[in-house]
Amino acid sequence: MKKSVKFISLGGGNAVSVSRIVSIITPDSAPSKRLIQEARSKGLLIDATGGKKTKSIFIMDSDHVVISSVSAETAIARAEENDDETNEG
């Protein structure tokens, strides 16, 4: 059976693959802000905020860092919804 790829919507027509996410964190701390700056300097930052305030940071298995205007809590809830759908059938 072919495994389907599940995505989390980041708003503005953007999405990330659930299976590639290592961590979802909030951008409030100094280490989070440093993480964004380091990713930007390495060319690994993906800005999916659409010009809005950054509310969550996705760390991907490819070392890319995706910033989103969707809150971390909402993103986690969406990931869990996708997980529930996968386990249903």
N, C-alpha and C. Protein backbone atom coordinates (compact mmCIF):
# COMPACT_ATOMS: atom_id res chain seq x y z
N MET A 1 0.84 -1.19 0.00
CA MET A 1 0.00 0.00 0.00
C MET A 1 0.88 1.24 0.00
N LYS A 2 0.56 2.17 -0.88
CA LYS A 2 1.34 3.40 -1.00
C LYS A 2 1.01 4.34 0.16
N LYS A 3 2.03 4.88 0.79
CA LYS A 3 1.83 5.81 1.88
C LYS A 3 1.61 7.21 1.31
N SER A 4 0.52 7.86 1.73
CA SER A 4 0.24 9.21 1.23
C SER A 4 0.99 10.23 2.08
N VAL A 5 1.35 11.33 1.45
CA VAL A 5 2.07 12.39 2.14
C VAL A 5 1.05 13.30 2.80
N LYS A 6 1.23 13.58 4.08
CA LYS A 6 0.34 14.46 4.83
C LYS A 6 1.01 15.82 5.01
N PHE A 7 0.21 16.87 4.89
CA PHE A 7 0.72 18.23 5.01
C PHE A 7 -0.01 18.99 6.12
N ILE A 8 0.68 19.98 6.69
CA ILE A 8 0.07 20.92 7.61
C ILE A 8 0.00 22.26 6.87
N SER A 9 -1.18 22.86 6.87
CA SER A 9 -1.35 24.18 6.26
C SER A 9 -0.71 25.24 7.15
N LEU A 10 0.08 26.12 6.53
CA LEU A 10 0.71 27.22 7.25
C LEU A 10 0.01 28.53 6.96
N GLY A 11 -1.08 28.48 6.21
CA GLY A 11 -1.80 29.68 5.82
C GLY A 11 -1.21 30.27 4.55
N GLY A 12 -1.99 31.07 3.86
CA GLY A 12 -1.52 31.71 2.64
C GLY A 12 -1.19 30.74 1.52
N GLY A 13 -1.78 29.56 1.56
CA GLY A 13 -1.51 28.56 0.53
C GLY A 13 -0.22 27.80 0.73
N ASN A 14 0.43 27.96 1.88
CA ASN A 14 1.69 27.27 2.17
C ASN A 14 1.44 26.06 3.06
N ALA A 15 2.29 25.04 2.91
CA ALA A 15 2.16 23.83 3.72
C ALA A 15 3.52 23.16 3.85
N VAL A 16 3.66 22.34 4.90
CA VAL A 16 4.87 21.53 5.06
C VAL A 16 4.46 20.07 5.26
N SER A 17 5.34 19.18 4.87
CA SER A 17 5.11 17.76 5.02
C SER A 17 5.26 17.36 6.49
N VAL A 18 4.23 16.72 7.03
CA VAL A 18 4.24 16.30 8.44
C VAL A 18 5.43 15.38 8.72
N SER A 19 5.74 14.48 7.80
CA SER A 19 6.79 13.49 8.04
C SER A 19 8.20 14.10 8.05
N ARG A 20 8.36 15.32 7.56
CA ARG A 20 9.68 15.96 7.52
C ARG A 20 9.93 16.88 8.71
N ILE A 21 8.91 17.11 9.55
CA ILE A 21 9.05 18.02 10.69
C ILE A 21 9.78 17.32 11.83
N VAL A 22 10.82 17.98 12.34
CA VAL A 22 11.55 17.49 13.51
C VAL A 22 10.96 18.10 14.77
N SER A 23 10.64 19.41 14.69
CA SER A 23 10.16 20.12 15.87
C SER A 23 9.34 21.34 15.45
N ILE A 24 8.38 21.71 16.31
CA ILE A 24 7.62 22.95 16.14
C ILE A 24 7.81 23.74 17.43
N ILE A 25 8.36 24.94 17.32
CA ILE A 25 8.66 25.73 18.51
C ILE A 25 8.10 27.15 18.37
N THR A 26 7.99 27.84 19.50
CA THR A 26 7.54 29.23 19.49
C THR A 26 8.75 30.14 19.28
N PRO A 27 8.53 31.33 18.72
CA PRO A 27 9.65 32.22 18.40
C PRO A 27 9.99 33.21 19.52
N ASP A 28 9.50 32.97 20.72
CA ASP A 28 9.61 33.96 21.79
C ASP A 28 10.99 34.07 22.44
N SER A 29 11.75 33.00 22.44
CA SER A 29 13.03 33.00 23.18
C SER A 29 14.19 33.51 22.33
N ALA A 30 15.24 33.92 23.01
CA ALA A 30 16.46 34.36 22.32
C ALA A 30 17.07 33.24 21.47
N PRO A 31 17.13 31.99 21.97
CA PRO A 31 17.66 30.92 21.11
C PRO A 31 16.84 30.71 19.83
N SER A 32 15.52 30.90 19.92
CA SER A 32 14.67 30.78 18.73
C SER A 32 15.01 31.86 17.72
N LYS A 33 15.20 33.07 18.21
CA LYS A 33 15.56 34.18 17.32
C LYS A 33 16.93 33.95 16.68
N ARG A 34 17.87 33.39 17.45
CA ARG A 34 19.20 33.05 16.90
C ARG A 34 19.09 31.98 15.83
N LEU A 35 18.23 31.00 16.07
CA LEU A 35 18.01 29.92 15.11
C LEU A 35 17.55 30.49 13.77
N ILE A 36 16.62 31.43 13.82
CA ILE A 36 16.13 32.07 12.59
C ILE A 36 17.25 32.82 11.89
N GLN A 37 18.04 33.59 12.65
CA GLN A 37 19.14 34.36 12.05
C GLN A 37 20.19 33.44 11.43
N GLU A 38 20.53 32.34 12.11
CA GLU A 38 21.52 31.40 11.58
C GLU A 38 21.01 30.74 10.30
N ALA A 39 19.73 30.35 10.30
CA ALA A 39 19.15 29.73 9.09
C ALA A 39 19.14 30.72 7.94
N ARG A 40 18.82 32.00 8.23
CA ARG A 40 18.81 33.04 7.19
C ARG A 40 20.21 33.19 6.60
N SER A 41 21.22 33.23 7.45
CA SER A 41 22.58 33.44 6.95
C SER A 41 23.10 32.25 6.14
N LYS A 42 22.58 31.05 6.42
CA LYS A 42 22.99 29.85 5.68
C LYS A 42 22.12 29.60 4.44
N GLY A 43 21.10 30.44 4.25
CA GLY A 43 20.20 30.23 3.12
C GLY A 43 19.21 29.11 3.34
N LEU A 44 18.95 28.76 4.60
CA LEU A 44 18.05 27.65 4.92
C LEU A 44 16.73 28.11 5.54
N LEU A 45 16.48 29.42 5.53
CA LEU A 45 15.24 29.93 6.10
C LEU A 45 14.16 30.01 5.02
N ILE A 46 12.99 29.48 5.33
CA ILE A 46 11.84 29.57 4.45
C ILE A 46 10.78 30.39 5.19
N ASP A 47 10.46 31.54 4.63
CA ASP A 47 9.50 32.45 5.26
C ASP A 47 8.12 32.21 4.68
N ALA A 48 7.25 31.59 5.48
CA ALA A 48 5.87 31.32 5.06
C ALA A 48 4.88 32.17 5.84
N THR A 49 5.35 33.34 6.32
CA THR A 49 4.49 34.20 7.13
C THR A 49 3.58 35.09 6.29
N GLY A 50 3.92 35.30 5.04
CA GLY A 50 3.14 36.21 4.21
C GLY A 50 3.15 37.63 4.73
N GLY A 51 4.24 38.02 5.38
CA GLY A 51 4.37 39.37 5.91
C GLY A 51 3.75 39.57 7.27
N LYS A 52 3.16 38.51 7.83
CA LYS A 52 2.54 38.61 9.16
C LYS A 52 3.56 38.28 10.24
N LYS A 53 3.16 38.44 11.48
CA LYS A 53 4.03 38.15 12.62
C LYS A 53 4.35 36.65 12.71
N THR A 54 5.60 36.33 12.99
CA THR A 54 6.01 34.94 13.16
C THR A 54 5.46 34.40 14.48
N LYS A 55 4.68 33.31 14.40
CA LYS A 55 4.10 32.71 15.60
C LYS A 55 4.60 31.28 15.85
N SER A 56 5.25 30.68 14.85
CA SER A 56 5.81 29.35 15.05
C SER A 56 7.00 29.14 14.13
N ILE A 57 7.87 28.24 14.57
CA ILE A 57 9.07 27.89 13.82
C ILE A 57 9.07 26.37 13.65
N PHE A 58 9.19 25.94 12.40
CA PHE A 58 9.27 24.51 12.10
C PHE A 58 10.72 24.17 11.77
N ILE A 59 11.27 23.22 12.48
CA ILE A 59 12.60 22.72 12.17
C ILE A 59 12.40 21.43 11.38
N MET A 60 12.97 21.41 10.18
CA MET A 60 12.75 20.29 9.27
C MET A 60 13.95 19.33 9.27
N ASP A 61 13.73 18.12 8.81
CA ASP A 61 14.81 17.13 8.80
C ASP A 61 15.90 17.45 7.78
N SER A 62 15.66 18.43 6.92
CA SER A 62 16.65 18.85 5.93
C SER A 62 17.51 20.01 6.43
N ASP A 63 17.35 20.38 7.71
CA ASP A 63 18.00 21.54 8.34
C ASP A 63 17.39 22.86 7.93
N HIS A 64 16.33 22.84 7.11
CA HIS A 64 15.62 24.08 6.79
C HIS A 64 14.82 24.51 8.01
N VAL A 65 14.64 25.81 8.15
CA VAL A 65 13.83 26.39 9.20
C VAL A 65 12.71 27.16 8.52
N VAL A 66 11.46 26.78 8.83
CA VAL A 66 10.30 27.41 8.23
C VAL A 66 9.61 28.25 9.30
N ILE A 67 9.42 29.55 9.00
CA ILE A 67 8.69 30.39 9.95
C ILE A 67 7.28 30.61 9.41
N SER A 68 6.31 30.61 10.34
CA SER A 68 4.91 30.67 9.96
C SER A 68 4.14 31.63 10.84
N SER A 69 3.04 32.17 10.32
CA SER A 69 2.17 33.03 11.11
C SER A 69 1.10 32.24 11.84
N VAL A 70 1.08 30.91 11.65
CA VAL A 70 0.16 30.04 12.39
C VAL A 70 0.81 29.73 13.74
N SER A 71 0.02 29.79 14.82
CA SER A 71 0.59 29.53 16.14
C SER A 71 1.08 28.09 16.25
N ALA A 72 2.06 27.88 17.12
CA ALA A 72 2.60 26.54 17.35
C ALA A 72 1.49 25.59 17.81
N GLU A 73 0.60 26.08 18.68
CA GLU A 73 -0.49 25.24 19.20
C GLU A 73 -1.40 24.78 18.06
N THR A 74 -1.74 25.71 17.14
CA THR A 74 -2.59 25.38 16.00
C THR A 74 -1.89 24.37 15.09
N ALA A 75 -0.61 24.59 14.85
CA ALA A 75 0.15 23.69 13.98
C ALA A 75 0.22 22.28 14.57
N ILE A 76 0.44 22.20 15.87
CA ILE A 76 0.50 20.89 16.54
C ILE A 76 -0.85 20.20 16.45
N ALA A 77 -1.93 20.96 16.67
CA ALA A 77 -3.28 20.39 16.56
C ALA A 77 -3.53 19.86 15.15
N ARG A 78 -3.10 20.61 14.14
CA ARG A 78 -3.27 20.16 12.75
C ARG A 78 -2.46 18.90 12.48
N ALA A 79 -1.26 18.81 13.03
CA ALA A 79 -0.43 17.61 12.86
C ALA A 79 -1.10 16.41 13.51
N GLU A 80 -1.68 16.63 14.69
CA GLU A 80 -2.37 15.53 15.37
C GLU A 80 -3.61 15.09 14.62
N GLU A 81 -4.32 16.05 14.00
CA GLU A 81 -5.48 15.69 13.16
C GLU A 81 -5.05 14.79 12.02
N ASN A 82 -3.94 15.15 11.37
CA ASN A 82 -3.41 14.33 10.29
C ASN A 82 -3.03 12.95 10.77
N ASP A 83 -2.47 12.87 11.97
CA ASP A 83 -2.07 11.59 12.55
C ASP A 83 -3.30 10.72 12.81
N ASP A 84 -4.36 11.33 13.32
CA ASP A 84 -5.60 10.60 13.59
C ASP A 84 -6.18 10.03 12.30
N GLU A 85 -6.15 10.82 11.22
CA GLU A 85 -6.67 10.36 9.93
C GLU A 85 -5.87 9.18 9.43
N THR A 86 -4.55 9.21 9.63
CA THR A 86 -3.69 8.11 9.19
C THR A 86 -3.99 6.83 9.95
N ASN A 87 -4.26 6.96 11.25
CA ASN A 87 -4.48 5.78 12.09
C ASN A 87 -5.88 5.19 11.98
N GLU A 88 -6.80 5.91 11.30
CA GLU A 88 -8.17 5.43 11.20
C GLU A 88 -8.32 4.25 10.27
N GLY A 89 -7.49 4.18 9.25
CA GLY A 89 -7.86 3.17 8.29
C GLY A 89 -6.87 2.29 7.75
